[in-house]
C-alpha atoms as a PDB file:
ATOM      1  CA  MET A   1     -37.748 151.746 106.502  1.00  0.00           C
ATOM      2  CA  LEU A   2     -39.949 151.191 108.130  1.00  0.00           C
ATOM      3  CA  LYS A   3     -41.070 148.061 107.190  1.00  0.00           C
ATOM      4  CA  ASP A   4     -45.173 147.540 106.069  1.00  0.00           C
ATOM      5  CA  MET A   5     -47.091 145.736 108.641  1.00  0.00           C
ATOM      6  CA  ASP A   6     -44.876 148.927 110.520  1.00  0.00           C
ATOM      7  CA  PHE A   7     -45.867 151.365 108.963  1.00  0.00           C
ATOM      8  CA  CYS A   8     -49.615 150.418 108.708  1.00  0.00           C
ATOM      9  CA  ASN A   9     -49.702 150.600 113.136  1.00  0.00           C
ATOM     10  CA  MET A  10     -48.136 153.423 113.379  1.00  0.00           C
ATOM     11  CA  VAL A  11     -49.612 155.414 111.100  1.00  0.00           C
ATOM     12  CA  GLY A  12     -53.376 153.522 112.336  1.00  0.00           C
ATOM     13  CA  GLN A  13     -51.775 155.207 115.934  1.00  0.00           C
ATOM     14  CA  VAL A  14     -51.846 158.214 113.969  1.00  0.00           C
ATOM     15  CA  ILE A  15     -55.339 158.366 113.380  1.00  0.00           C
ATOM     16  CA  LEU A  16     -56.186 156.964 116.405  1.00  0.00           C
ATOM     17  CA  GLU A  17     -54.523 159.880 118.222  1.00  0.00           C
ATOM     18  CA  GLY A  18     -57.022 161.896 116.639  1.00  0.00           C
ATOM     19  CA  MET A  19     -60.083 160.417 116.964  1.00  0.00           C
ATOM     20  CA  LEU A  20     -59.324 160.818 120.720  1.00  0.00           C
ATOM     21  CA  LEU A  21     -57.721 164.808 120.510  1.00  0.00           C
ATOM     22  CA  GLU A  22     -60.893 165.651 118.608  1.00  0.00           C
ATOM     23  CA  VAL A  23     -62.756 164.930 121.065  1.00  0.00           C
ATOM     24  CA  ILE A  24     -60.990 165.392 124.313  1.00  0.00           C
ATOM     25  CA  SER A  25     -60.519 168.688 123.173  1.00  0.00           C
ATOM     26  CA  HIS A  26     -63.178 171.752 124.334  1.00  0.00           C
ATOM     27  CA  PRO A  27     -65.145 174.125 124.895  1.00  0.00           C
ATOM     28  CA  SER A  28     -66.674 172.192 121.139  1.00  0.00           C
ATOM     29  CA  PRO A  29     -69.524 173.518 120.293  1.00  0.00           C
ATOM     30  CA  GLY A  30     -72.380 171.893 121.086  1.00  0.00           C
ATOM     31  CA  LEU A  31     -70.005 168.750 120.858  1.00  0.00           C
ATOM     32  CA  VAL A  32     -69.072 165.569 123.036  1.00  0.00           C
ATOM     33  CA  SER A  33     -66.415 166.444 125.409  1.00  0.00           C
ATOM     34  CA  PRO A  34     -65.058 164.966 128.492  1.00  0.00           C
ATOM     35  CA  PHE A  35     -67.424 167.624 130.136  1.00  0.00           C
ATOM     36  CA  SER A  36     -70.150 168.148 128.271  1.00  0.00           C
ATOM     37  CA  LYS A  37     -72.596 165.729 126.599  1.00  0.00           C
ATOM     38  CA  GLY A  38     -73.112 168.822 123.463  1.00  0.00           C
ATOM     39  CA  SER A  39     -76.604 169.068 121.851  1.00  0.00           C
ATOM     40  CA  HIS A  40     -76.499 165.037 122.717  1.00  0.00           C
ATOM     41  CA  SER A  41     -79.187 162.982 124.602  1.00  0.00           C
ATOM     42  CA  ASP A  42     -78.028 159.424 124.040  1.00  0.00           C
ATOM     43  CA  MET A  43     -74.593 160.343 123.612  1.00  0.00           C
ATOM     44  CA  ASP A  44     -72.040 161.093 125.668  1.00  0.00           C
ATOM     45  CA  TYR A  45     -67.591 160.634 126.070  1.00  0.00           C
ATOM     46  CA  ASN A  46     -67.881 157.121 127.806  1.00  0.00           C
ATOM     47  CA  THR A  47     -70.148 157.197 124.125  1.00  0.00           C
ATOM     48  CA  PHE A  48     -67.173 158.113 122.207  1.00  0.00           C
ATOM     49  CA  LEU A  49     -64.206 156.258 124.495  1.00  0.00           C
ATOM     50  CA  ARG A  50     -65.609 152.717 123.909  1.00  0.00           C
ATOM     51  CA  SER A  51     -66.291 153.448 119.834  1.00  0.00           C
ATOM     52  CA  THR A  52     -63.140 155.163 119.502  1.00  0.00           C
ATOM     53  CA  ALA A  53     -61.142 151.710 120.866  1.00  0.00           C
ATOM     54  CA  ALA A  54     -63.911 149.382 118.820  1.00  0.00           C
ATOM     55  CA  ILE A  55     -62.507 150.973 116.203  1.00  0.00           C
ATOM     56  CA  ALA A  56     -59.191 151.236 116.338  1.00  0.00           C
ATOM     57  CA  LYS A  57     -58.213 148.118 115.560  1.00  0.00           C
ATOM     58  CA  TYR A  58     -59.812 148.263 112.204  1.00  0.00           C
ATOM     59  CA  LEU A  59     -56.933 151.511 111.487  1.00  0.00           C
ATOM     60  CA  PRO A  60     -53.831 150.244 110.178  1.00  0.00           C
ATOM     61  CA  ASP A  61     -55.812 147.832 107.905  1.00  0.00           C
ATOM     62  CA  PHE A  62     -56.891 151.527 105.869  1.00  0.00           C
ATOM     63  CA  VAL A  63     -53.310 151.889 105.640  1.00  0.00           C
ATOM     64  CA  HIS A  64     -52.802 148.269 103.953  1.00  0.00           C
ATOM     65  CA  VAL A  65     -55.179 148.483 101.179  1.00  0.00           C
ATOM     66  CA  GLY A  66     -53.395 151.029  99.961  1.00  0.00           C
ATOM     67  CA  LEU A  67     -49.723 149.314  99.881  1.00  0.00           C
ATOM     68  CA  LYS A  68     -51.347 146.410  98.095  1.00  0.00           C
ATOM     69  CA  TYR A  69     -53.429 147.196  95.739  1.00  0.00           C
ATOM     70  CA  ASP A  70     -53.950 149.819  92.320  1.00  0.00           C
ATOM     71  CA  GLU A  71     -57.164 149.184  92.203  1.00  0.00           C
ATOM     72  CA  ASN A  72     -60.948 149.160  93.609  1.00  0.00           C
ATOM     73  CA  ILE A  73     -58.808 150.485  96.956  1.00  0.00           C
ATOM     74  CA  LEU A  74     -62.305 152.356  97.227  1.00  0.00           C
ATOM     75  CA  GLU A  75     -64.651 149.945  97.673  1.00  0.00           C
ATOM     76  CA  ARG A  76     -61.461 148.150  99.892  1.00  0.00           C
ATOM     77  CA  VAL A  77     -61.502 150.626 102.408  1.00  0.00           C
ATOM     78  CA  ARG A  78     -65.753 150.802 102.078  1.00  0.00           C
ATOM     79  CA  ASN A  79     -65.481 146.790 104.103  1.00  0.00           C
ATOM     80  CA  ILE A  80     -63.462 147.193 105.942  1.00  0.00           C
ATOM     81  CA  GLY A  81     -65.746 150.125 107.259  1.00  0.00           C
ATOM     82  CA  LEU A  82     -68.617 148.293 107.377  1.00  0.00           C
ATOM     83  CA  LEU A  83     -67.159 145.784 110.201  1.00  0.00           C
ATOM     84  CA  ALA A  84     -65.311 148.721 111.514  1.00  0.00           C
ATOM     85  CA  GLU A  85     -69.115 150.288 111.476  1.00  0.00           C
ATOM     86  CA  GLU A  86     -70.437 147.154 112.534  1.00  0.00           C
ATOM     87  CA  ASP A  87     -68.243 147.226 115.853  1.00  0.00           C
ATOM     88  CA  MET A  88     -68.763 150.589 116.796  1.00  0.00           C
ATOM     89  CA  PHE A  89     -72.551 150.263 116.790  1.00  0.00           C
ATOM     90  CA  ARG A  90     -71.492 147.213 118.755  1.00  0.00           C
ATOM     91  CA  ALA A  91     -70.000 148.959 121.250  1.00  0.00           C
ATOM     92  CA  THR A  92     -72.853 151.868 121.293  1.00  0.00           C
ATOM     93  CA  TYR A  93     -75.647 149.874 121.736  1.00  0.00           C
ATOM     94  CA  GLY A  94     -76.665 151.320 117.711  1.00  0.00           C
ATOM     95  CA  ILE A  95     -75.874 155.169 118.516  1.00  0.00           C
ATOM     96  CA  ASN A  96     -73.248 156.737 115.433  1.00  0.00           C
ATOM     97  CA  THR A  97     -70.513 158.127 116.560  1.00  0.00           C
ATOM     98  CA  GLN A  98     -68.243 158.065 114.105  1.00  0.00           C
ATOM     99  CA  LYS A  99     -69.709 156.689 111.020  1.00  0.00           C
ATOM    100  CA  GLY A 100     -68.668 159.490 109.146  1.00  0.00           C
ATOM    101  CA  LEU A 101     -64.863 159.092 110.748  1.00  0.00           C
ATOM    102  CA  ILE A 102     -64.272 156.412 109.594  1.00  0.00           C
ATOM    103  CA  PHE A 103     -65.482 156.095 106.338  1.00  0.00           C
ATOM    104  CA  LEU A 104     -62.826 159.636 106.132  1.00  0.00           C
ATOM    105  CA  THR A 105     -60.103 157.725 108.098  1.00  0.00           C
ATOM    106  CA  GLY A 106     -60.089 154.854 105.474  1.00  0.00           C
ATOM    107  CA  LEU A 107     -59.454 156.632 103.417  1.00  0.00           C
ATOM    108  CA  ILE A 108     -56.400 158.893 104.444  1.00  0.00           C
ATOM    109  CA  GLY A 109     -55.011 155.942 105.933  1.00  0.00           C
ATOM    110  CA  ALA A 110     -55.138 154.177 102.255  1.00  0.00           C
ATOM    111  CA  SER A 111     -54.327 157.369 101.219  1.00  0.00           C
ATOM    112  CA  THR A 112     -51.084 156.975 103.006  1.00  0.00           C
ATOM    113  CA  GLY A 113     -50.063 153.637 101.972  1.00  0.00           C
ATOM    114  CA  ARG A 114     -50.447 154.747  98.011  1.00  0.00           C
ATOM    115  CA  CYS A 115     -47.555 157.222  99.223  1.00  0.00           C
ATOM    116  CA  LYS A 116     -45.095 155.036 100.697  1.00  0.00           C
ATOM    117  CA  LYS A 117     -45.736 152.984  97.485  1.00  0.00           C
ATOM    118  CA  LEU A 118     -45.198 155.185  95.373  1.00  0.00           C
ATOM    119  CA  ASN A 119     -42.387 156.640  97.053  1.00  0.00           C
ATOM    120  CA  LEU A 120     -44.239 160.404  97.562  1.00  0.00           C
ATOM    121  CA  SER A 121     -43.353 162.629 100.430  1.00  0.00           C
ATOM    122  CA  LEU A 122     -46.241 162.610 103.100  1.00  0.00           C
ATOM    123  CA  ASN A 123     -48.223 165.884 103.178  1.00  0.00           C
ATOM    124  CA  ARG A 124     -51.400 167.646 102.255  1.00  0.00           C
ATOM    125  CA  LEU A 125     -51.009 168.462  99.044  1.00  0.00           C
ATOM    126  CA  ASN A 126     -50.015 164.086  98.365  1.00  0.00           C
ATOM    127  CA  ILE A 127     -52.447 162.263 100.414  1.00  0.00           C
ATOM    128  CA  ALA A 128     -55.138 164.957  99.341  1.00  0.00           C
ATOM    129  CA  ASN A 129     -54.406 164.391  95.202  1.00  0.00           C
ATOM    130  CA  ILE A 130     -54.763 160.231  96.610  1.00  0.00           C
ATOM    131  CA  ILE A 131     -57.666 160.858  98.328  1.00  0.00           C
ATOM    132  CA  LYS A 132     -59.614 162.706  94.606  1.00  0.00           C
ATOM    133  CA  GLU A 133     -58.104 159.601  93.400  1.00  0.00           C
ATOM    134  CA  ILE A 134     -59.911 157.177  95.124  1.00  0.00           C
ATOM    135  CA  THR A 135     -62.604 158.416  95.380  1.00  0.00           C
ATOM    136  CA  CYS A 136     -62.824 160.239  91.982  1.00  0.00           C
ATOM    137  CA  GLY A 137     -67.093 160.257  90.163  1.00  0.00           C
ATOM    138  CA  ILE A 138     -68.643 160.030  93.622  1.00  0.00           C
ATOM    139  CA  VAL A 139     -70.773 162.430  94.000  1.00  0.00           C
ATOM    140  CA  GLU A 140     -72.184 161.778  90.336  1.00  0.00           C
ATOM    141  CA  LYS A 141     -72.114 157.882  90.732  1.00  0.00           C
ATOM    142  CA  GLU A 142     -73.227 157.661  94.035  1.00  0.00           C
ATOM    143  CA  LEU A 143     -75.610 161.341  94.196  1.00  0.00           C
ATOM    144  CA  LYS A 144     -76.790 162.404  91.585  1.00  0.00           C
ATOM    145  CA  ASN A 145     -78.095 159.700  90.541  1.00  0.00           C
ATOM    146  CA  ILE A 146     -79.956 158.566  93.737  1.00  0.00           C
ATOM    147  CA  ASN A 147     -83.457 156.118  93.360  1.00  0.00           C
ATOM    148  CA  LYS A 148     -85.308 158.109  94.809  1.00  0.00           C
ATOM    149  CA  ASP A 149     -87.834 155.213  95.104  1.00  0.00           C
ATOM    150  CA  GLY A 150     -84.774 153.622  97.026  1.00  0.00           C
ATOM    151  CA  ARG A 151     -84.811 153.635 101.016  1.00  0.00           C
ATOM    152  CA  LEU A 152     -82.235 156.716 101.464  1.00  0.00           C
ATOM    153  CA  THR A 153     -79.336 157.727 103.344  1.00  0.00           C
ATOM    154  CA  ASN A 154     -78.856 161.092 105.464  1.00  0.00           C
ATOM    155  CA  GLY A 155     -76.716 161.547 102.662  1.00  0.00           C
ATOM    156  CA  GLU A 156     -78.618 161.319 100.119  1.00  0.00           C
ATOM    157  CA  ARG A 157     -82.028 162.952 101.624  1.00  0.00           C
ATOM    158  CA  LEU A 158     -79.981 166.069 101.795  1.00  0.00           C
ATOM    159  CA  TYR A 159     -78.826 166.028  97.852  1.00  0.00           C
ATOM    160  CA  LEU A 160     -81.771 165.211  97.292  1.00  0.00           C
ATOM    161  CA  LYS A 161     -83.639 168.348  99.288  1.00  0.00           C
ATOM    162  CA  TYR A 162     -81.338 171.081  99.507  1.00  0.00           C
ATOM    163  CA  GLY A 163     -77.748 169.945  97.168  1.00  0.00           C
ATOM    164  CA  VAL A 164     -75.668 169.813  99.865  1.00  0.00           C
ATOM    165  CA  THR A 165     -73.283 167.043  98.581  1.00  0.00           C
ATOM    166  CA  GLY A 166     -71.794 166.561 102.279  1.00  0.00           C
ATOM    167  CA  ILE A 167     -68.507 163.965 102.753  1.00  0.00           C
ATOM    168  CA  ARG A 168     -68.891 162.755  99.054  1.00  0.00           C
ATOM    169  CA  GLY A 169     -68.191 165.910  97.693  1.00  0.00           C
ATOM    170  CA  GLU A 170     -65.425 166.190 100.473  1.00  0.00           C
ATOM    171  CA  VAL A 171     -63.255 164.014  99.454  1.00  0.00           C
ATOM    172  CA  GLU A 172     -63.271 164.229  95.728  1.00  0.00           C
ATOM    173  CA  LYS A 173     -62.661 167.853  95.742  1.00  0.00           C
ATOM    174  CA  GLY A 174     -59.722 166.214  98.347  1.00  0.00           C
ATOM    175  CA  LEU A 175     -60.244 168.197 102.039  1.00  0.00           C
ATOM    176  CA  PRO A 176     -60.524 171.583 100.766  1.00  0.00           C
ATOM    177  CA  THR A 177     -62.378 172.709 103.673  1.00  0.00           C
ATOM    178  CA  VAL A 178     -58.935 170.685 105.911  1.00  0.00           C
ATOM    179  CA  LEU A 179     -56.229 172.787 103.321  1.00  0.00           C
ATOM    180  CA  LYS A 180     -57.749 175.923 103.307  1.00  0.00           C
ATOM    181  CA  TRP A 181     -58.863 176.328 106.466  1.00  0.00           C
ATOM    182  CA  GLY A 182     -59.075 174.093 108.602  1.00  0.00           C
ATOM    183  CA  LEU A 183     -54.833 173.053 108.585  1.00  0.00           C
ATOM    184  CA  PRO A 184     -53.726 176.863 108.842  1.00  0.00           C
ATOM    185  CA  ALA A 185     -55.926 178.162 111.601  1.00  0.00           C
ATOM    186  CA  PHE A 186     -54.110 175.003 113.244  1.00  0.00           C
ATOM    187  CA  GLU A 187     -51.125 175.911 112.320  1.00  0.00           C
ATOM    188  CA  ASP A 188     -51.627 179.678 113.445  1.00  0.00           C
ATOM    189  CA  ALA A 189     -52.859 178.689 116.165  1.00  0.00           C
ATOM    190  CA  LEU A 190     -49.370 176.932 117.151  1.00  0.00           C
ATOM    191  CA  ARG A 191     -47.826 179.337 115.737  1.00  0.00           C
ATOM    192  CA  ILE A 192     -48.796 182.211 118.251  1.00  0.00           C
ATOM    193  CA  GLY A 193     -48.237 179.511 121.948  1.00  0.00           C
ATOM    194  CA  LEU A 194     -51.272 178.128 122.536  1.00  0.00           C
ATOM    195  CA  SER A 195     -51.543 174.391 123.542  1.00  0.00           C
ATOM    196  CA  VAL A 196     -52.715 171.315 121.078  1.00  0.00           C
ATOM    197  CA  ASN A 197     -55.935 171.701 122.662  1.00  0.00           C
ATOM    198  CA  ASP A 198     -57.081 175.814 121.636  1.00  0.00           C
ATOM    199  CA  ALA A 199     -55.536 174.847 119.038  1.00  0.00           C
ATOM    200  CA  LEU A 200     -58.182 172.671 116.973  1.00  0.00           C
ATOM    201  CA  ILE A 201     -60.807 174.232 118.591  1.00  0.00           C
ATOM    202  CA  HIS A 202     -59.841 177.075 117.265  1.00  0.00           C
ATOM    203  CA  SER A 203     -59.805 175.084 114.139  1.00  0.00           C
ATOM    204  CA  LEU A 204     -62.743 173.911 114.125  1.00  0.00           C
ATOM    205  CA  ILE A 205     -64.424 176.605 115.061  1.00  0.00           C
ATOM    206  CA  TYR A 206     -62.658 178.580 111.296  1.00  0.00           C
ATOM    207  CA  ILE A 207     -63.625 174.532 110.096  1.00  0.00           C
ATOM    208  CA  ILE A 208     -67.876 175.655 110.996  1.00  0.00           C
ATOM    209  CA  SER A 209     -67.886 178.894 109.378  1.00  0.00           C
ATOM    210  CA  LYS A 210     -67.015 177.189 106.215  1.00  0.00           C
ATOM    211  CA  LEU A 211     -68.271 173.879 106.525  1.00  0.00           C
ATOM    212  CA  ASP A 212     -72.299 173.146 104.609  1.00  0.00           C
ATOM    213  CA  ASP A 213     -72.434 170.545 107.744  1.00  0.00           C
ATOM    214  CA  THR A 214     -74.929 167.680 107.219  1.00  0.00           C
ATOM    215  CA  THR A 215     -75.374 166.860 110.606  1.00  0.00           C
ATOM    216  CA  VAL A 216     -77.063 170.689 111.261  1.00  0.00           C
ATOM    217  CA  LEU A 217     -78.160 170.394 107.923  1.00  0.00           C
ATOM    218  CA  ASN A 218     -80.324 167.352 108.920  1.00  0.00           C
ATOM    219  CA  ARG A 219     -80.845 168.326 112.535  1.00  0.00           C
ATOM    220  CA  ARG A 220     -82.048 172.090 112.087  1.00  0.00           C
ATOM    221  CA  GLY A 221     -82.190 172.563 108.265  1.00  0.00           C
ATOM    222  CA  LEU A 222     -80.964 175.866 106.732  1.00  0.00           C
ATOM    223  CA  LYS A 223     -81.961 177.917 108.998  1.00  0.00           C
ATOM    224  CA  GLY A 224     -79.836 175.850 111.039  1.00  0.00           C
ATOM    225  CA  LEU A 225     -77.053 175.601 109.109  1.00  0.00           C
ATOM    226  CA  TYR A 226     -76.835 179.337 108.539  1.00  0.00           C
ATOM    227  CA  PHE A 227     -77.255 180.931 112.227  1.00  0.00           C
ATOM    228  CA  MET A 228     -74.113 178.643 113.014  1.00  0.00           C
ATOM    229  CA  LYS A 229     -71.876 179.651 110.918  1.00  0.00           C
ATOM    230  CA  ASN A 230     -72.985 183.274 111.267  1.00  0.00           C
ATOM    231  CA  ILE A 231     -71.913 182.939 115.410  1.00  0.00           C
ATOM    232  CA  ALA A 232     -68.990 181.356 114.309  1.00  0.00           C
ATOM    233  CA  LYS A 233     -67.995 183.762 112.181  1.00  0.00           C
ATOM    234  CA  ASN A 234     -68.780 186.242 114.976  1.00  0.00           C
ATOM    235  CA  ALA A 235     -66.275 184.382 117.418  1.00  0.00           C
ATOM    236  CA  ILE A 236     -63.241 184.637 114.384  1.00  0.00           C
ATOM    237  CA  PHE A 237     -63.805 188.116 114.151  1.00  0.00           C
ATOM    238  CA  LEU A 238     -63.162 188.580 118.088  1.00  0.00           C
ATOM    239  CA  GLY A 239     -60.531 186.571 117.389  1.00  0.00           C
ATOM    240  CA  ALA A 240     -61.805 182.626 118.558  1.00  0.00           C
ATOM    241  CA  MET A 241     -59.039 181.411 120.446  1.00  0.00           C
ATOM    242  CA  LYS A 242     -56.626 183.711 120.228  1.00  0.00           C
ATOM    243  CA  THR A 243     -57.710 186.628 122.362  1.00  0.00           C
ATOM    244  CA  GLN A 244     -59.695 186.794 125.749  1.00  0.00           C
ATOM    245  CA  ILE A 245     -62.148 187.760 124.415  1.00  0.00           C
ATOM    246  CA  GLY A 246     -62.573 185.578 121.302  1.00  0.00           C
ATOM    247  CA  ARG A 247     -62.675 182.463 124.046  1.00  0.00           C
ATOM    248  CA  GLU A 248     -65.487 184.434 126.219  1.00  0.00           C
ATOM    249  CA  TYR A 249     -67.507 184.080 122.778  1.00  0.00           C
ATOM    250  CA  VAL A 250     -66.570 180.290 121.884  1.00  0.00           C
ATOM    251  CA  VAL A 251     -68.244 179.130 125.530  1.00  0.00           C
ATOM    252  CA  TYR A 252     -71.054 181.167 124.317  1.00  0.00           C
ATOM    253  CA  MET A 253     -71.166 179.658 121.337  1.00  0.00           C
ATOM    254  CA  ASP A 254     -70.689 176.188 123.364  1.00  0.00           C
ATOM    255  CA  LYS A 255     -74.030 177.095 125.099  1.00  0.00           C
ATOM    256  CA  ILE A 256     -75.791 179.090 122.072  1.00  0.00           C
ATOM    257  CA  PHE A 257     -75.691 175.501 120.036  1.00  0.00           C
ATOM    258  CA  LYS A 258     -76.636 173.544 123.245  1.00  0.00           C
ATOM    259  CA  LYS A 259     -79.572 175.451 123.291  1.00  0.00           C
ATOM    260  CA  LYS A 260     -80.206 175.634 119.797  1.00  0.00           C
ATOM    261  CA  ASN A 261     -80.026 171.674 119.461  1.00  0.00           C
ATOM    262  CA  ILE A 262     -76.876 172.328 117.345  1.00  0.00           C
ATOM    263  CA  SER A 263     -74.575 169.554 116.493  1.00  0.00           C
ATOM    264  CA  PRO A 264     -71.162 169.915 113.928  1.00  0.00           C
ATOM    265  CA  GLY A 265     -70.778 166.722 113.699  1.00  0.00           C
ATOM    266  CA  GLY A 266     -69.309 166.763 110.210  1.00  0.00           C
ATOM    267  CA  ALA A 267     -66.923 169.619 111.287  1.00  0.00           C
ATOM    268  CA  ALA A 268     -65.754 167.773 114.157  1.00  0.00           C
ATOM    269  CA  ASP A 269     -64.802 165.091 112.205  1.00  0.00           C
ATOM    270  CA  LEU A 270     -62.523 167.036 109.399  1.00  0.00           C
ATOM    271  CA  LEU A 271     -61.106 169.164 112.773  1.00  0.00           C
ATOM    272  CA  ALA A 272     -59.427 164.828 113.443  1.00  0.00           C
ATOM    273  CA  VAL A 273     -58.715 164.908 110.033  1.00  0.00           C
ATOM    274  CA  THR A 274     -56.749 168.198 110.316  1.00  0.00           C
ATOM    275  CA  TYR A 275     -55.214 166.787 113.037  1.00  0.00           C
ATOM    276  CA  ILE A 276     -54.177 163.796 111.500  1.00  0.00           C
ATOM    277  CA  ILE A 277     -52.989 165.574 108.284  1.00  0.00           C
ATOM    278  CA  TYR A 278     -50.655 167.744 110.920  1.00  0.00           C
ATOM    279  CA  LYS A 279     -49.618 164.705 112.378  1.00  0.00           C
ATOM    280  CA  LEU A 280     -48.487 162.614 109.927  1.00  0.00           C
ATOM    281  CA  GLU A 281     -46.922 165.839 107.862  1.00  0.00           C
ATOM    282  CA  ASN A 282     -44.785 166.606 111.034  1.00  0.00           C
ATOM    283  CA  TRP A 283     -43.469 162.586 111.620  1.00  0.00           C
ATOM    284  CA  GLY A 284     -40.622 162.219 114.332  1.00  0.00           C
ATOM    285  CA  ASN A 285     -40.410 166.070 113.803  1.00  0.00           C
END
């Protein structure tokens, strides 16, 4: 049985691995990779490495929250997340690279800690159900009762304009996009012998095809979101990363996303979550 601190550190390492593999994977349409700035002029691969390095030290702390506390877990996760954000912005000179991912990994870390505390198996359903419990009521509390006269976040503004619940809705529902689409696509790709890189891109395309990505909504509106999802569905029809024509189409997706300034940042965050949950489930295998 792992000691609590060792457990926190090891889960933190898995989370860090997922964060790094997301940004390393390519071709990732519209996203930053070692070979492309994607649809961004203000960040590149090095920016993400600096950001991830700054965040890394906080990852075991999220796990510790789940191990130690039974109440106010969301508030405690957010307090640590704010410290991580400050270090992220300091490392990136003010550029928001992974703010949403800090929130998501904070919840995954805390839910993993809760699994250990409650002697539950580390699997996707237990992790997702605990995240649902931690975030229960978050949409009602934070989006349906917005002070419209105050300074709105992007998520609040997009909810008022389009009715999308974004990352809050995703976590309160227990990460449905990851469980229904991200993980099955990733595992299917691995099962037929694709590399981890190609399996991640295959999973990314499925996530893009299903997610109401607020990063895309913010930059390109509903028209851009629908365009992005339809392009991803075309890639899936062609086999995505499982066929030669599908792989060529994914490369085309990258070119067209850059041209149209589409960056599926929300999908990228859920891709990292997909890998993290997969790795936690298969720990020791």
